Amino acid sequence: MFSQAKVVYSRDDSVHEFTANIQKMGRDDIALSFFQQASGLIYNMEKIEKWLTVKDDLLYAQLWILQSAYTYANKLLVLDGKPPSREAVLKVMAYAPQFIAPIYQRPMQGPMTRDEVFEVLNLYRKFLEDNLDMNYKLTCSCQVSWCIIKFM
């Protein structure tokens, strides 16, 4: 939330130190963000699949792909040690367009086919599977830290 904060005026040097520190993502920050983004991505995947298979509405499934682009882009930012951002899609487009183009640019160009929508779902599944070990490690790390803080 404060990762892009700037001190406008302060006589207290500790405020400058505080804002400099919060702009860096620590291991627990990455773990929590990564977990939150993974949860959001799974939610979006379920919606895409529901509208594609159960409701048989290809266009609405495509809308959910566009909505998922934000979550996916934030997850990519977090993997790179950068804080999540409202402009996540644009930031990822600037430095790694190959990862976000099928999820952001392609749906914006017009109606997608069923196969293209399934390709996006498979891309998400592969992405989550490839990072499953990292999800588990970071989540366990975060939970252990939480327990230490809680009982001290």
Protein backbone atom coordinates (compact mmCIF):
# COMPACT_ATOMS: atom_id res chain seq x y z
CA MET A 1 0.00 0.00 0.00
CA PHE A 2 2.79 2.42 0.88
CA SER A 3 5.31 1.02 -1.58
CA GLN A 4 5.03 4.09 -3.78
CA ALA A 5 4.66 6.62 -0.96
CA LYS A 6 6.73 9.80 -0.99
CA VAL A 7 7.48 12.09 1.91
CA VAL A 8 6.30 15.56 1.04
CA TYR A 9 7.65 17.28 4.15
CA SER A 10 9.17 16.12 7.41
CA ARG A 11 11.77 17.33 9.88
CA ASP A 12 12.06 13.84 11.33
CA ASP A 13 14.69 11.69 9.58
CA SER A 14 13.05 8.50 10.86
CA VAL A 15 10.09 9.18 8.53
CA HIS A 16 12.46 9.16 5.55
CA GLU A 17 14.03 5.91 6.79
CA PHE A 18 10.58 4.39 7.26
CA THR A 19 9.41 5.23 3.74
CA ALA A 20 12.68 4.00 2.23
CA ASN A 21 12.27 0.71 4.11
CA ILE A 22 8.64 0.11 3.12
CA GLN A 23 9.49 0.51 -0.55
CA LYS A 24 11.53 -2.71 -0.39
CA MET A 25 9.77 -6.05 -0.34
CA GLY A 26 11.02 -8.48 2.27
CA ARG A 27 10.66 -12.25 2.19
CA ASP A 28 7.43 -12.21 4.19
CA ASP A 29 5.98 -9.43 2.02
CA ILE A 30 6.73 -11.48 -1.08
CA ALA A 31 5.25 -14.59 0.52
CA LEU A 32 2.00 -12.90 1.49
CA SER A 33 1.60 -11.12 -1.85
CA PHE A 34 2.45 -14.26 -3.77
CA PHE A 35 -0.14 -16.26 -1.84
CA GLN A 36 -2.82 -13.57 -2.27
CA GLN A 37 -2.17 -13.30 -6.00
CA ALA A 38 -2.26 -17.10 -6.39
CA SER A 39 -5.62 -17.22 -4.61
CA GLY A 40 -6.98 -14.50 -6.87
CA LEU A 41 -5.70 -16.25 -9.97
CA ILE A 42 -7.35 -19.54 -8.98
CA TYR A 43 -10.63 -17.69 -8.40
CA ASN A 44 -10.39 -16.13 -11.88
CA MET A 45 -9.56 -19.50 -13.44
CA GLU A 46 -12.68 -21.02 -11.90
CA LYS A 47 -14.80 -18.19 -13.29
CA ILE A 48 -13.29 -18.55 -16.76
CA GLU A 49 -13.93 -22.28 -16.76
CA LYS A 50 -17.47 -21.87 -15.41
CA TRP A 51 -18.47 -19.39 -18.09
CA LEU A 52 -16.79 -21.43 -20.78
CA THR A 53 -18.09 -24.91 -19.92
CA VAL A 54 -21.16 -24.60 -17.68
CA LYS A 55 -22.73 -21.40 -19.00
CA ASP A 56 -21.34 -21.81 -22.53
CA ASP A 57 -20.71 -18.06 -22.83
CA LEU A 58 -17.41 -17.57 -24.61
CA LEU A 59 -17.49 -13.78 -24.52
CA TYR A 60 -18.06 -13.63 -20.76
CA ALA A 61 -15.23 -16.14 -20.24
CA GLN A 62 -13.08 -13.74 -22.24
CA LEU A 63 -14.10 -10.90 -19.92
CA TRP A 64 -12.83 -12.96 -16.98
CA ILE A 65 -9.55 -13.47 -18.82
CA LEU A 66 -9.17 -9.71 -19.02
CA GLN A 67 -9.97 -9.37 -15.33
CA SER A 68 -7.41 -12.04 -14.51
CA ALA A 69 -4.67 -10.16 -16.39
CA TYR A 70 -4.33 -7.75 -13.46
CA THR A 71 -3.87 -10.57 -10.93
CA TYR A 72 -1.46 -12.45 -13.18
CA ALA A 73 0.60 -9.32 -13.83
CA ASN A 74 0.82 -8.58 -10.11
CA LYS A 75 1.99 -12.13 -9.51
CA LEU A 76 4.74 -11.63 -12.10
CA LEU A 77 5.77 -8.39 -10.40
CA VAL A 78 5.94 -10.11 -7.02
CA LEU A 79 8.08 -12.89 -8.51
CA ASP A 80 10.50 -10.19 -9.61
CA GLY A 81 10.59 -8.73 -6.09
CA LYS A 82 8.52 -5.70 -7.08
CA PRO A 83 5.46 -4.57 -5.15
CA PRO A 84 1.99 -5.15 -6.62
CA SER A 85 0.68 -2.15 -8.49
CA ARG A 86 -2.51 -0.74 -9.95
CA GLU A 87 -0.57 -0.45 -13.22
CA ALA A 88 0.72 -4.04 -13.06
CA VAL A 89 -0.36 -4.95 -16.58
CA LEU A 90 1.36 -1.91 -18.09
CA LYS A 91 4.53 -2.51 -16.07
CA VAL A 92 4.77 -6.14 -17.17
CA MET A 93 3.98 -5.13 -20.77
CA ALA A 94 6.98 -2.78 -20.61
CA TYR A 95 9.55 -5.39 -19.57
CA ALA A 96 8.03 -8.81 -20.36
CA PRO A 97 5.29 -8.51 -22.99
CA GLN A 98 5.58 -12.19 -23.95
CA PHE A 99 4.08 -13.16 -20.58
CA ILE A 100 1.10 -10.82 -20.57
CA ALA A 101 0.21 -10.42 -24.27
CA PRO A 102 -1.88 -13.64 -24.56
CA ILE A 103 -3.90 -12.61 -21.52
CA TYR A 104 -4.21 -8.89 -22.11
CA GLN A 105 -3.62 -7.98 -25.74
CA ARG A 106 -5.27 -10.98 -27.38
CA PRO A 107 -8.65 -10.61 -25.62
CA MET A 108 -8.64 -6.88 -26.45
CA GLN A 109 -8.30 -7.60 -30.17
CA GLY A 110 -11.67 -9.33 -30.55
CA PRO A 111 -13.56 -12.51 -29.79
CA MET A 112 -11.45 -15.51 -28.82
CA THR A 113 -12.06 -19.12 -29.80
CA ARG A 114 -12.72 -21.88 -27.25
CA ASP A 115 -9.23 -23.22 -27.92
CA GLU A 116 -7.66 -19.83 -27.17
CA VAL A 117 -9.55 -19.59 -23.89
CA PHE A 118 -8.45 -23.10 -22.94
CA GLU A 119 -4.87 -22.11 -23.85
CA VAL A 120 -5.06 -19.27 -21.33
CA LEU A 121 -6.36 -21.67 -18.66
CA ASN A 122 -3.52 -24.07 -19.44
CA LEU A 123 -1.01 -21.22 -19.29
CA TYR A 124 -2.31 -20.31 -15.81
CA ARG A 125 -2.22 -23.93 -14.66
CA LYS A 126 1.35 -24.35 -15.88
CA PHE A 127 2.37 -21.08 -14.25
CA LEU A 128 0.92 -22.14 -10.90
CA GLU A 129 2.40 -25.63 -11.18
CA ASP A 130 5.83 -24.24 -12.07
CA ASN A 131 5.69 -22.06 -8.98
CA LEU A 132 4.02 -24.61 -6.70
CA ASP A 133 7.25 -25.30 -4.84
CA MET A 134 7.77 -21.57 -4.34
CA ASN A 135 4.17 -21.11 -3.22
CA TYR A 136 4.60 -23.85 -0.63
CA LYS A 137 7.98 -22.60 0.64
CA LEU A 138 6.88 -18.99 0.86
CA THR A 139 3.57 -19.84 2.50
CA CYS A 140 5.30 -22.07 5.08
CA SER A 141 7.89 -19.38 5.71
CA CYS A 142 5.17 -16.81 6.23
CA GLN A 143 3.20 -19.07 8.58
CA VAL A 144 6.29 -19.81 10.70
CA SER A 145 7.06 -16.10 10.98
CA TRP A 146 3.45 -15.44 11.96
CA CYS A 147 3.64 -18.04 14.75
CA ILE A 148 6.88 -16.56 16.08
CA ILE A 149 5.42 -13.08 16.12
CA LYS A 150 2.15 -14.28 17.63
CA PHE A 151 3.69 -16.13 20.59
CA MET A 152 6.43 -13.65 21.55
